[in-house]
Amino acid sequence: MKFKIAILGTGNVAYHLIPALENAGHTITEIYGRNLEDAEKLTEKVYVAEAVDELDFSESKAEIFILAVSDSAISDIADEIILPENSILVHTSGTVPLSILGYSSATYTGVMYPLQTFSKGRAIDFVDVPFLLESEDEETLQKLKKLAKSLTPYNYIVKSKDRLALHIAAVFASNFTNHMIRLSEEIMARQGLDFEMLKPLIIESISKTLEIGAKRAQTGPAIRGDFGTLDNHFQFLNYNEQVAELYRLISQDIIDVN
């Protein structure tokens, strides 16, 4: 089943999702952006989509309207959008509940959350991206499953409260991990050292964790109870009290849970 789809949003998710949907055989009818120029740039990635900066879609031929916008913008857009009869309005957020779409003009609502990190400078193969789906209407849910399956075999029915927990876990696994590596980059640069030296360690650490589990893979001075090394590290980091305190808290948590 192929769908006609309007995308609302011009950020990272929209940037990757738009061509992926078209490559899967669906038609992108409109791309909405508060800044029309941003929407126009994204229309260059597909064949026939129209760039728009108004939320009146009453004459649209789209069947599914995907809100690929920031979490804080979902409610306002859902309240303002004017949709054709029998349309489906979905958002792509990991944390916003389905119920936030309940006051929109959509006949049916749902969630289609891609569980992946997106950056415009890096290509994403949606075949490997899990989608978390939700709708209170069974027919709508089946349509969202067909849409997701056109992109990836990995799709799951997940309720809002569970999707929130999963998103929090994803923040720890992805966003916080990335920030730790950023701090590593800053420490190396501060000492005039080449960050390339750390890359084999990072790759092996992630690979080992995924293979044997994070608890078994944990190493380092905290799990060994090497308080002399922990204190030396803490003293070194005192040039930045916030980072030093972060180091202390994480080390203490490793000690406590192990």
Protein backbone atom coordinates (compact mmCIF):
# COMPACT_ATOMS: atom_id res chain seq x y z
CA MET A 1 0.00 0.00 0.00
CA LYS A 2 1.34 3.40 -1.02
CA PHE A 3 0.30 6.62 0.68
CA LYS A 4 0.13 10.31 -0.07
CA ILE A 5 1.92 12.07 2.75
CA ALA A 6 2.43 15.65 3.92
CA ILE A 7 5.42 16.37 6.14
CA LEU A 8 5.28 19.19 8.67
CA GLY A 9 8.77 20.17 9.75
CA THR A 10 12.17 20.90 8.25
CA GLY A 11 14.53 19.57 10.94
CA ASN A 12 16.75 16.51 11.10
CA VAL A 13 13.98 13.90 11.16
CA ALA A 14 12.13 15.49 8.22
CA TYR A 15 15.40 15.83 6.29
CA HIS A 16 15.98 12.07 6.40
CA LEU A 17 12.38 10.83 6.42
CA ILE A 18 11.20 12.69 3.31
CA PRO A 19 13.48 11.00 0.73
CA ALA A 20 13.17 7.64 2.52
CA LEU A 21 9.38 7.72 2.17
CA GLU A 22 9.57 8.68 -1.48
CA ASN A 23 12.15 5.98 -2.18
CA ALA A 24 9.72 3.50 -0.62
CA GLY A 25 7.13 4.48 -3.24
CA HIS A 26 5.02 6.99 -1.33
CA THR A 27 4.14 10.46 -2.62
CA ILE A 28 5.14 13.55 -0.66
CA THR A 29 2.44 16.11 -1.41
CA GLU A 30 3.48 19.06 0.79
CA ILE A 31 6.35 20.05 3.06
CA TYR A 32 5.46 22.60 5.72
CA GLY A 33 7.94 24.92 7.38
CA ARG A 34 7.53 28.08 9.42
CA ASN A 35 10.36 29.36 7.24
CA LEU A 36 9.25 28.82 3.64
CA GLU A 37 12.83 28.81 2.37
CA ASP A 38 13.66 25.82 4.58
CA ALA A 39 10.66 23.95 3.21
CA GLU A 40 11.65 24.81 -0.36
CA LYS A 41 15.11 23.36 0.20
CA LEU A 42 13.59 20.06 1.25
CA THR A 43 11.31 19.93 -1.78
CA GLU A 44 14.50 19.67 -3.84
CA LYS A 45 15.01 16.20 -2.35
CA VAL A 46 11.76 14.88 -3.90
CA TYR A 47 9.87 15.12 -7.18
CA VAL A 48 6.55 16.87 -6.76
CA ALA A 49 6.17 18.18 -3.19
CA GLU A 50 4.95 21.72 -2.65
CA ALA A 51 6.57 23.95 -0.03
CA VAL A 52 4.03 25.69 2.22
CA ASP A 53 4.13 27.90 5.30
CA GLU A 54 0.40 27.88 6.11
CA LEU A 55 -1.41 25.24 8.17
CA ASP A 56 -4.58 25.09 6.08
CA PHE A 57 -4.41 21.65 4.43
CA SER A 58 -8.15 21.41 3.79
CA GLU A 59 -7.55 20.99 0.03
CA SER A 60 -4.59 18.63 0.40
CA LYS A 61 -4.62 15.24 -1.31
CA ALA A 62 -2.52 13.74 1.49
CA GLU A 63 -3.90 10.88 3.59
CA ILE A 64 -1.29 10.98 6.33
CA PHE A 65 0.16 14.13 7.91
CA ILE A 66 3.43 13.61 9.79
CA LEU A 67 4.47 16.15 12.42
CA ALA A 68 8.28 15.95 12.35
CA VAL A 69 8.80 19.00 14.56
CA SER A 70 10.25 19.73 18.00
CA ASP A 71 8.31 18.36 20.96
CA SER A 72 7.41 21.87 22.11
CA ALA A 73 5.83 22.72 18.73
CA ILE A 74 3.59 19.66 18.40
CA SER A 75 0.70 20.96 20.50
CA ASP A 76 0.51 24.38 18.83
CA ILE A 77 0.62 22.97 15.31
CA ALA A 78 -1.90 20.25 16.12
CA ASP A 79 -4.28 22.91 17.45
CA GLU A 80 -3.91 25.18 14.43
CA ILE A 81 -3.76 22.73 11.54
CA ILE A 82 -6.81 22.37 9.30
CA LEU A 83 -7.05 18.89 7.79
CA PRO A 84 -9.27 17.20 5.24
CA GLU A 85 -11.86 14.69 6.36
CA ASN A 86 -10.67 11.18 7.28
CA SER A 87 -7.05 12.29 7.53
CA ILE A 88 -4.47 10.74 9.86
CA LEU A 89 -2.27 13.04 11.93
CA VAL A 90 0.81 11.50 13.57
CA HIS A 91 3.80 12.86 15.42
CA THR A 92 7.32 11.45 15.56
CA SER A 93 8.23 12.25 19.19
CA GLY A 94 9.65 9.81 21.68
CA THR A 95 8.25 11.62 24.72
CA VAL A 96 5.03 13.41 23.74
CA PRO A 97 1.88 11.32 24.42
CA LEU A 98 -0.59 10.41 21.71
CA SER A 99 -3.31 12.29 23.60
CA ILE A 100 -1.78 15.66 22.67
CA LEU A 101 -3.25 15.23 19.18
CA GLY A 102 -6.75 14.64 20.55
CA TYR A 103 -7.92 18.21 20.07
CA SER A 104 -6.75 18.54 16.49
CA SER A 105 -9.02 18.55 13.44
CA ALA A 106 -7.72 15.11 12.43
CA THR A 107 -10.20 12.27 12.15
CA TYR A 108 -7.55 9.79 13.29
CA THR A 109 -4.31 10.21 15.22
CA GLY A 110 -1.19 8.19 15.89
CA VAL A 111 2.50 8.11 16.70
CA MET A 112 5.32 6.97 14.43
CA TYR A 113 8.56 7.44 16.37
CA PRO A 114 11.84 6.50 14.63
CA LEU A 115 14.24 5.28 17.31
CA GLN A 116 17.49 6.69 15.92
CA THR A 117 19.77 9.70 16.19
CA PHE A 118 19.55 11.99 13.16
CA SER A 119 22.03 14.58 11.90
CA LYS A 120 21.81 16.28 8.52
CA GLY A 121 25.47 15.64 7.76
CA ARG A 122 25.21 11.85 8.09
CA ALA A 123 23.23 9.40 5.94
CA ILE A 124 20.74 7.04 7.61
CA ASP A 125 19.57 3.69 6.24
CA PHE A 126 16.00 3.32 7.48
CA VAL A 127 16.15 -0.44 7.00
CA ASP A 128 17.92 -0.52 10.37
CA VAL A 129 15.71 2.03 12.16
CA PRO A 130 13.05 0.70 14.56
CA PHE A 131 9.70 2.52 14.49
CA LEU A 132 7.51 2.72 17.59
CA LEU A 133 3.84 2.93 16.62
CA GLU A 134 0.70 3.86 18.50
CA SER A 135 -2.94 4.62 17.72
CA GLU A 136 -6.24 4.09 19.49
CA ASP A 137 -7.88 3.24 16.17
CA GLU A 138 -7.07 -0.26 14.89
CA GLU A 139 -7.44 0.61 11.19
CA THR A 140 -5.12 3.59 11.61
CA LEU A 141 -2.62 1.41 13.44
CA GLN A 142 -2.63 -1.09 10.59
CA LYS A 143 -1.97 1.71 8.08
CA LEU A 144 0.93 3.00 10.17
CA LYS A 145 2.33 -0.54 10.34
CA LYS A 146 2.19 -0.81 6.56
CA LEU A 147 3.85 2.59 6.22
CA ALA A 148 6.61 1.66 8.68
CA LYS A 149 7.12 -1.75 7.07
CA SER A 150 7.77 -0.05 3.75
CA LEU A 151 10.86 1.46 5.42
CA THR A 152 12.03 -1.20 7.87
CA PRO A 153 11.12 -4.64 9.23
CA TYR A 154 11.59 -3.32 12.76
CA ASN A 155 8.33 -1.83 14.02
CA TYR A 156 6.74 -2.17 17.43
CA ILE A 157 3.42 -1.24 19.03
CA VAL A 158 4.35 0.82 22.10
CA LYS A 159 2.05 2.85 24.36
CA SER A 160 2.92 6.43 25.33
CA LYS A 161 4.11 5.64 28.89
CA ASP A 162 6.41 2.90 27.65
CA ARG A 163 7.68 5.05 24.80
CA LEU A 164 8.65 7.69 27.36
CA ALA A 165 10.69 5.15 29.33
CA LEU A 166 12.33 3.93 26.15
CA HIS A 167 13.20 7.49 25.15
CA ILE A 168 14.83 8.12 28.52
CA ALA A 169 16.87 4.93 28.11
CA ALA A 170 17.85 6.11 24.62
CA VAL A 171 19.07 9.44 26.03
CA PHE A 172 21.40 7.59 28.39
CA ALA A 173 22.57 5.18 25.69
CA SER A 174 23.04 7.73 22.91
CA ASN A 175 22.99 11.38 23.95
CA PHE A 176 24.86 10.97 27.23
CA THR A 177 27.37 8.56 25.69
CA ASN A 178 28.04 11.08 22.94
CA HIS A 179 28.53 13.84 25.52
CA MET A 180 31.04 11.71 27.43
CA ILE A 181 33.04 11.29 24.22
CA ARG A 182 32.85 15.04 23.67
CA LEU A 183 34.35 15.59 27.13
CA SER A 184 37.08 13.10 26.21
CA GLU A 185 37.81 15.15 23.09
CA GLU A 186 38.10 18.31 25.18
CA ILE A 187 40.45 16.69 27.71
CA MET A 188 42.71 15.40 24.94
CA ALA A 189 42.71 18.76 23.14
CA ARG A 190 43.51 20.59 26.40
CA GLN A 191 46.65 18.47 26.76
CA GLY A 192 47.56 18.78 23.07
CA LEU A 193 46.96 15.04 22.51
CA ASP A 194 45.57 13.34 19.41
CA PHE A 195 42.02 12.06 19.95
CA GLU A 196 42.68 9.33 17.35
CA MET A 197 44.47 7.39 20.10
CA LEU A 198 41.14 6.86 21.90
CA LYS A 199 39.10 5.63 18.92
CA PRO A 200 40.09 1.92 19.14
CA LEU A 201 39.13 1.96 22.84
CA ILE A 202 35.75 3.57 22.10
CA ILE A 203 34.98 1.09 19.33
CA GLU A 204 35.95 -1.93 21.45
CA SER A 205 34.01 -0.63 24.48
CA ILE A 206 30.77 -0.21 22.52
CA SER A 207 31.19 -3.53 20.67
CA LYS A 208 31.92 -5.43 23.90
CA THR A 209 28.96 -3.85 25.69
CA LEU A 210 26.57 -4.86 22.93
CA GLU A 211 28.01 -8.36 22.84
CA ILE A 212 28.17 -9.31 26.54
CA GLY A 213 26.02 -6.65 28.24
CA ALA A 214 26.94 -3.41 29.97
CA LYS A 215 27.23 -4.87 33.49
CA ARG A 216 29.76 -7.53 32.49
CA ALA A 217 31.63 -5.13 30.21
CA GLN A 218 32.25 -2.49 32.91
CA THR A 219 35.92 -1.84 33.67
CA GLY A 220 37.90 1.07 35.13
CA PRO A 221 39.03 2.43 38.49
CA ALA A 222 35.54 2.82 39.98
CA ILE A 223 34.50 -0.83 39.64
CA ARG A 224 37.95 -1.89 40.91
CA GLY A 225 37.61 0.35 43.95
CA ASP A 226 40.85 2.10 43.01
CA PHE A 227 40.28 5.22 45.11
CA GLY A 228 43.81 6.53 44.62
CA THR A 229 43.30 6.74 40.85
CA LEU A 230 39.82 8.18 41.29
CA ASP A 231 41.23 10.94 43.50
CA ASN A 232 44.04 11.70 41.03
CA HIS A 233 41.50 11.98 38.21
CA PHE A 234 39.25 14.21 40.29
CA GLN A 235 42.15 16.53 41.17
CA PHE A 236 43.17 16.75 37.50
CA LEU A 237 39.63 17.75 36.52
CA ASN A 238 39.43 20.58 39.03
CA TYR A 239 40.10 23.04 36.21
CA ASN A 240 36.39 22.51 35.48
CA GLU A 241 34.38 21.97 38.69
CA GLN A 242 31.27 20.86 36.84
CA VAL A 243 33.11 18.15 34.90
CA ALA A 244 34.95 17.08 38.07
CA GLU A 245 31.65 16.71 39.91
CA LEU A 246 30.18 14.77 36.98
CA TYR A 247 33.17 12.42 37.14
CA ARG A 248 32.66 11.95 40.88
CA LEU A 249 28.92 11.26 40.60
CA ILE A 250 29.28 8.76 37.77
CA SER A 251 32.16 6.98 39.51
CA GLN A 252 30.15 6.76 42.73
CA ASP A 253 27.16 5.36 40.84
CA ILE A 254 29.36 2.68 39.25
CA ILE A 255 30.59 1.74 42.74
CA ASP A 256 27.07 1.70 44.17
CA VAL A 257 25.41 -0.45 41.49
CA ASN A 258 28.21 -2.97 41.30
